[in-house]
Amino acid sequence: QVQLVESGGGSVQPGGSLRLSCAASGTIFSIYPMGWFRQVPGKQRELVATITRGGTTDYVDSVKGRFTISRDNAKNTVYLQMNSLKPEDTAVYYCNKASATMVRDYWGQGTQVTVSS
């Protein structure tokens, strides 16, 4: 059974930091590169960071230098360290395999991140 449980969201001021965590089921975590996505109302879900099992990372330009994705293979957990947060980072954040689609794949409940002064 697929499980994806995101946590760590909250409300912070611009310039603040948050660390998101995602506990993923072994089936997904052991096979696929993992990713963090975010979505705001009325817009498509956006892939912002990915990490392979070997630790190779990639980021969308808007978060490069501010966000860091990492994974603990022993704990089946993916993390997203978010620094220098901006109001435009406000969204619900989800984790999943990097190739996940809205139609074919299961998604967890996500975690809300709000950046506001």
N, C-alpha and C. Protein backbone atom coordinates (compact mmCIF):
# COMPACT_ATOMS: atom_id res chain seq x y z
N GLN A 1 0.84 -1.18 0.00
CA GLN A 1 0.00 0.00 0.00
C GLN A 1 0.88 1.24 0.00
N VAL A 2 0.52 2.18 -0.86
CA VAL A 2 1.30 3.41 -0.97
C VAL A 2 0.98 4.33 0.20
N GLN A 3 2.03 4.86 0.81
CA GLN A 3 1.87 5.85 1.87
C GLN A 3 2.82 7.00 1.63
N LEU A 4 2.30 8.19 1.74
CA LEU A 4 3.09 9.42 1.65
C LEU A 4 2.56 10.36 2.71
N VAL A 5 3.38 10.68 3.69
CA VAL A 5 2.95 11.53 4.80
C VAL A 5 3.90 12.70 4.92
N GLU A 6 3.41 13.87 4.54
CA GLU A 6 4.21 15.10 4.60
C GLU A 6 3.97 15.82 5.92
N SER A 7 5.01 16.47 6.42
CA SER A 7 4.89 17.24 7.66
C SER A 7 5.93 18.35 7.68
N GLY A 8 5.77 19.27 8.64
CA GLY A 8 6.77 20.31 8.84
C GLY A 8 6.39 21.69 8.33
N GLY A 9 5.25 21.80 7.69
CA GLY A 9 4.82 23.10 7.19
C GLY A 9 4.44 24.03 8.32
N GLY A 10 4.15 25.28 7.95
CA GLY A 10 3.76 26.27 8.94
C GLY A 10 3.76 27.66 8.35
N SER A 11 3.66 28.63 9.24
CA SER A 11 3.67 30.04 8.83
C SER A 11 4.96 30.69 9.28
N VAL A 12 5.63 31.36 8.35
CA VAL A 12 6.88 32.04 8.68
C VAL A 12 6.91 33.40 7.99
N GLN A 13 7.76 34.27 8.49
CA GLN A 13 7.96 35.56 7.85
C GLN A 13 8.94 35.43 6.70
N PRO A 14 8.89 36.35 5.77
CA PRO A 14 9.87 36.33 4.68
C PRO A 14 11.30 36.31 5.24
N GLY A 15 12.12 35.49 4.61
CA GLY A 15 13.49 35.29 5.09
C GLY A 15 13.65 34.14 6.06
N GLY A 16 12.55 33.60 6.51
CA GLY A 16 12.58 32.50 7.46
C GLY A 16 12.88 31.16 6.81
N SER A 17 12.90 30.12 7.65
CA SER A 17 13.23 28.77 7.19
C SER A 17 12.22 27.76 7.72
N LEU A 18 12.06 26.70 6.96
CA LEU A 18 11.27 25.55 7.38
C LEU A 18 11.94 24.29 6.84
N ARG A 19 11.71 23.19 7.52
CA ARG A 19 12.20 21.89 7.05
C ARG A 19 11.01 20.94 6.94
N LEU A 20 10.75 20.52 5.73
CA LEU A 20 9.67 19.58 5.48
C LEU A 20 10.20 18.15 5.50
N SER A 21 9.34 17.24 5.94
CA SER A 21 9.68 15.82 5.94
C SER A 21 8.59 15.04 5.23
N CYS A 22 8.98 13.94 4.63
CA CYS A 22 8.01 13.07 3.95
C CYS A 22 8.39 11.62 4.20
N ALA A 23 7.52 10.91 4.88
CA ALA A 23 7.69 9.48 5.10
C ALA A 23 7.00 8.75 3.96
N ALA A 24 7.76 8.02 3.18
CA ALA A 24 7.23 7.36 1.99
C ALA A 24 7.25 5.85 2.16
N SER A 25 6.31 5.19 1.52
CA SER A 25 6.29 3.73 1.56
C SER A 25 7.52 3.18 0.84
N GLY A 26 7.96 2.02 1.29
CA GLY A 26 9.18 1.45 0.76
C GLY A 26 9.13 1.18 -0.72
N THR A 27 7.96 0.83 -1.23
CA THR A 27 7.85 0.49 -2.65
C THR A 27 8.25 1.67 -3.52
N ILE A 28 7.72 2.84 -3.19
CA ILE A 28 8.06 4.03 -3.97
C ILE A 28 9.49 4.44 -3.71
N PHE A 29 9.83 4.51 -2.45
CA PHE A 29 11.11 5.10 -2.06
C PHE A 29 12.29 4.30 -2.59
N SER A 30 12.16 3.00 -2.64
CA SER A 30 13.29 2.16 -3.00
C SER A 30 13.52 2.08 -4.51
N ILE A 31 12.54 2.48 -5.28
CA ILE A 31 12.63 2.30 -6.73
C ILE A 31 12.88 3.61 -7.47
N TYR A 32 12.18 4.67 -7.07
CA TYR A 32 12.13 5.87 -7.89
C TYR A 32 12.93 7.05 -7.33
N PRO A 33 13.40 7.92 -8.23
CA PRO A 33 13.82 9.23 -7.74
C PRO A 33 12.63 9.92 -7.08
N MET A 34 12.89 10.67 -6.03
CA MET A 34 11.81 11.32 -5.31
C MET A 34 11.82 12.82 -5.57
N GLY A 35 10.67 13.45 -5.35
CA GLY A 35 10.59 14.87 -5.58
C GLY A 35 9.66 15.57 -4.61
N TRP A 36 9.86 16.86 -4.47
CA TRP A 36 8.93 17.73 -3.77
C TRP A 36 8.22 18.60 -4.80
N PHE A 37 6.91 18.68 -4.63
CA PHE A 37 6.05 19.47 -5.50
C PHE A 37 5.35 20.53 -4.65
N ARG A 38 4.83 21.55 -5.31
CA ARG A 38 4.00 22.52 -4.60
C ARG A 38 2.88 22.98 -5.50
N GLN A 39 1.79 23.40 -4.84
CA GLN A 39 0.62 23.84 -5.60
C GLN A 39 -0.09 24.96 -4.87
N VAL A 40 -0.45 25.97 -5.64
CA VAL A 40 -1.29 27.05 -5.13
C VAL A 40 -2.64 26.95 -5.82
N PRO A 41 -3.70 27.44 -5.20
CA PRO A 41 -5.04 27.33 -5.80
C PRO A 41 -5.07 27.94 -7.20
N GLY A 42 -5.67 27.20 -8.12
CA GLY A 42 -5.83 27.70 -9.47
C GLY A 42 -4.65 27.46 -10.38
N LYS A 43 -3.58 26.87 -9.85
CA LYS A 43 -2.40 26.61 -10.68
C LYS A 43 -2.05 25.13 -10.65
N GLN A 44 -1.29 24.72 -11.64
CA GLN A 44 -0.85 23.34 -11.71
C GLN A 44 0.17 23.03 -10.63
N ARG A 45 0.21 21.76 -10.23
CA ARG A 45 1.21 21.33 -9.27
C ARG A 45 2.58 21.42 -9.94
N GLU A 46 3.55 21.98 -9.23
CA GLU A 46 4.88 22.25 -9.77
C GLU A 46 5.93 21.41 -9.06
N LEU A 47 6.78 20.75 -9.85
CA LEU A 47 7.90 19.99 -9.29
C LEU A 47 9.03 20.97 -9.00
N VAL A 48 9.48 21.07 -7.75
CA VAL A 48 10.49 22.06 -7.40
C VAL A 48 11.85 21.46 -7.09
N ALA A 49 11.90 20.19 -6.70
CA ALA A 49 13.19 19.60 -6.36
C ALA A 49 13.11 18.09 -6.52
N THR A 50 14.19 17.49 -7.00
CA THR A 50 14.25 16.04 -7.15
C THR A 50 15.56 15.50 -6.59
N ILE A 51 15.53 14.20 -6.23
CA ILE A 51 16.74 13.55 -5.74
C ILE A 51 16.69 12.09 -6.13
N THR A 52 17.78 11.59 -6.68
CA THR A 52 17.88 10.18 -7.02
C THR A 52 18.26 9.37 -5.79
N ARG A 53 18.24 8.05 -5.91
CA ARG A 53 18.66 7.21 -4.80
C ARG A 53 20.13 7.46 -4.46
N GLY A 54 20.89 7.81 -5.46
CA GLY A 54 22.31 8.07 -5.24
C GLY A 54 22.61 9.45 -4.70
N GLY A 55 21.56 10.30 -4.63
CA GLY A 55 21.76 11.61 -4.04
C GLY A 55 21.94 12.75 -5.02
N THR A 56 21.82 12.49 -6.30
CA THR A 56 21.91 13.57 -7.28
C THR A 56 20.65 14.43 -7.20
N THR A 57 20.82 15.73 -7.11
CA THR A 57 19.69 16.64 -6.92
C THR A 57 19.51 17.58 -8.10
N ASP A 58 18.32 18.10 -8.22
CA ASP A 58 18.01 19.10 -9.23
C ASP A 58 16.89 19.99 -8.69
N TYR A 59 16.87 21.24 -9.14
CA TYR A 59 15.92 22.21 -8.61
C TYR A 59 15.38 23.09 -9.73
N VAL A 60 14.17 23.54 -9.55
CA VAL A 60 13.63 24.56 -10.44
C VAL A 60 14.36 25.87 -10.13
N ASP A 61 14.51 26.71 -11.12
CA ASP A 61 15.34 27.92 -10.97
C ASP A 61 14.88 28.80 -9.81
N SER A 62 13.59 28.85 -9.56
CA SER A 62 13.06 29.77 -8.56
C SER A 62 13.47 29.41 -7.13
N VAL A 63 13.95 28.19 -6.90
CA VAL A 63 14.33 27.79 -5.53
C VAL A 63 15.82 27.46 -5.41
N LYS A 64 16.54 27.48 -6.51
CA LYS A 64 17.97 27.16 -6.48
C LYS A 64 18.70 28.10 -5.52
N GLY A 65 19.56 27.51 -4.71
CA GLY A 65 20.33 28.29 -3.75
C GLY A 65 19.60 28.55 -2.45
N ARG A 66 18.30 28.24 -2.40
CA ARG A 66 17.52 28.48 -1.18
C ARG A 66 16.98 27.17 -0.59
N PHE A 67 16.62 26.22 -1.44
CA PHE A 67 16.05 24.94 -1.00
C PHE A 67 17.09 23.84 -1.16
N THR A 68 17.05 22.87 -0.26
CA THR A 68 17.92 21.70 -0.35
C THR A 68 17.10 20.45 -0.09
N ILE A 69 17.11 19.54 -1.05
CA ILE A 69 16.42 18.27 -0.90
C ILE A 69 17.43 17.21 -0.46
N SER A 70 17.00 16.33 0.42
CA SER A 70 17.87 15.24 0.87
C SER A 70 17.00 14.03 1.18
N ARG A 71 17.64 12.89 1.36
CA ARG A 71 16.90 11.68 1.66
C ARG A 71 17.68 10.80 2.61
N ASP A 72 16.93 10.08 3.44
CA ASP A 72 17.50 9.09 4.34
C ASP A 72 16.96 7.75 3.89
N ASN A 73 17.77 6.99 3.18
CA ASN A 73 17.29 5.73 2.61
C ASN A 73 16.94 4.71 3.69
N ALA A 74 17.58 4.79 4.83
CA ALA A 74 17.29 3.85 5.90
C ALA A 74 15.92 4.11 6.54
N LYS A 75 15.48 5.36 6.47
CA LYS A 75 14.20 5.74 7.08
C LYS A 75 13.10 5.94 6.06
N ASN A 76 13.40 5.73 4.77
CA ASN A 76 12.41 5.98 3.71
C ASN A 76 11.82 7.38 3.84
N THR A 77 12.66 8.34 4.08
CA THR A 77 12.21 9.71 4.31
C THR A 77 12.95 10.69 3.40
N VAL A 78 12.20 11.64 2.89
CA VAL A 78 12.75 12.71 2.07
C VAL A 78 12.53 14.03 2.80
N TYR A 79 13.50 14.91 2.71
CA TYR A 79 13.43 16.20 3.39
C TYR A 79 13.54 17.34 2.38
N LEU A 80 13.00 18.48 2.76
CA LEU A 80 13.20 19.70 1.99
C LEU A 80 13.50 20.83 2.96
N GLN A 81 14.75 21.25 2.99
CA GLN A 81 15.16 22.39 3.79
C GLN A 81 14.93 23.64 2.98
N MET A 82 14.13 24.54 3.49
CA MET A 82 13.77 25.76 2.77
C MET A 82 14.26 26.96 3.55
N ASN A 83 15.19 27.70 2.96
CA ASN A 83 15.75 28.89 3.58
C ASN A 83 15.39 30.13 2.75
N SER A 84 15.56 31.29 3.35
CA SER A 84 15.29 32.56 2.67
C SER A 84 13.93 32.53 1.98
N LEU A 85 12.94 32.11 2.71
CA LEU A 85 11.60 31.95 2.13
C LEU A 85 11.01 33.27 1.69
N LYS A 86 10.25 33.20 0.61
CA LYS A 86 9.62 34.37 0.02
C LYS A 86 8.10 34.17 0.01
N PRO A 87 7.34 35.24 -0.06
CA PRO A 87 5.86 35.08 -0.12
C PRO A 87 5.42 34.19 -1.28
N GLU A 88 6.14 34.23 -2.39
CA GLU A 88 5.77 33.40 -3.54
C GLU A 88 6.04 31.91 -3.33
N ASP A 89 6.68 31.55 -2.22
CA ASP A 89 6.84 30.14 -1.88
C ASP A 89 5.60 29.57 -1.18
N THR A 90 4.65 30.44 -0.85
CA THR A 90 3.43 29.99 -0.20
C THR A 90 2.69 29.00 -1.09
N ALA A 91 2.41 27.82 -0.54
CA ALA A 91 1.77 26.75 -1.32
C ALA A 91 1.55 25.56 -0.39
N VAL A 92 0.82 24.57 -0.90
CA VAL A 92 0.79 23.26 -0.26
C VAL A 92 1.90 22.43 -0.90
N TYR A 93 2.73 21.84 -0.09
CA TYR A 93 3.88 21.08 -0.57
C TYR A 93 3.59 19.58 -0.42
N TYR A 94 3.92 18.84 -1.47
CA TYR A 94 3.71 17.41 -1.54
C TYR A 94 5.02 16.72 -1.93
N CYS A 95 5.18 15.48 -1.48
CA CYS A 95 6.28 14.68 -1.98
C CYS A 95 5.70 13.49 -2.74
N ASN A 96 6.48 12.96 -3.65
CA ASN A 96 6.09 11.79 -4.43
C ASN A 96 7.28 11.35 -5.26
N LYS A 97 7.13 10.26 -6.00
CA LYS A 97 8.15 9.94 -6.97
C LYS A 97 8.21 11.09 -7.97
N ALA A 98 9.37 11.38 -8.47
CA ALA A 98 9.57 12.56 -9.30
C ALA A 98 8.74 12.53 -10.57
N SER A 99 8.37 11.36 -11.03
CA SER A 99 7.59 11.21 -12.27
C SER A 99 6.09 11.12 -12.01
N ALA A 100 5.65 11.35 -10.80
CA ALA A 100 4.23 11.22 -10.46
C ALA A 100 3.36 12.19 -11.25
N THR A 101 2.17 11.72 -11.58
CA THR A 101 1.19 12.57 -12.26
C THR A 101 -0.07 12.68 -11.41
N MET A 102 -0.85 13.69 -11.68
CA MET A 102 -2.08 13.90 -10.91
C MET A 102 -3.09 12.80 -11.18
N VAL A 103 -3.04 12.25 -12.39
CA VAL A 103 -4.08 11.31 -12.80
C VAL A 103 -3.77 9.89 -12.34
N ARG A 104 -2.53 9.45 -12.51
CA ARG A 104 -2.23 8.02 -12.33
C ARG A 104 -1.75 7.65 -10.93
N ASP A 105 -1.31 8.66 -10.14
CA ASP A 105 -0.61 8.33 -8.91
C ASP A 105 -1.35 8.80 -7.66
N TYR A 106 -1.10 8.08 -6.57
CA TYR A 106 -1.63 8.45 -5.26
C TYR A 106 -0.83 9.61 -4.70
N TRP A 107 -1.53 10.53 -4.02
CA TRP A 107 -0.87 11.67 -3.37
C TRP A 107 -1.28 11.73 -1.90
N GLY A 108 -0.37 12.17 -1.07
CA GLY A 108 -0.68 12.38 0.33
C GLY A 108 -1.46 13.68 0.52
N GLN A 109 -1.61 14.08 1.77
CA GLN A 109 -2.42 15.26 2.08
C GLN A 109 -1.66 16.56 1.91
N GLY A 110 -0.35 16.48 1.81
CA GLY A 110 0.45 17.69 1.67
C GLY A 110 0.60 18.43 2.99
N THR A 111 1.46 19.45 2.97
CA THR A 111 1.66 20.29 4.14
C THR A 111 1.70 21.75 3.70
N GLN A 112 0.95 22.59 4.39
CA GLN A 112 0.81 23.99 3.99
C GLN A 112 2.01 24.81 4.47
N VAL A 113 2.56 25.59 3.55
CA VAL A 113 3.62 26.55 3.88
C VAL A 113 3.10 27.93 3.54
N THR A 114 3.12 28.82 4.51
CA THR A 114 2.66 30.19 4.31
C THR A 114 3.77 31.15 4.71
N VAL A 115 4.16 32.01 3.76
CA VAL A 115 5.21 32.99 4.01
C VAL A 115 4.57 34.37 3.91
N SER A 116 4.52 35.05 5.04
CA SER A 116 3.82 36.33 5.09
C SER A 116 4.34 37.16 6.24
N SER A 117 4.37 38.47 6.03
CA SER A 117 4.77 39.36 7.11
C SER A 117 3.54 39.86 7.88
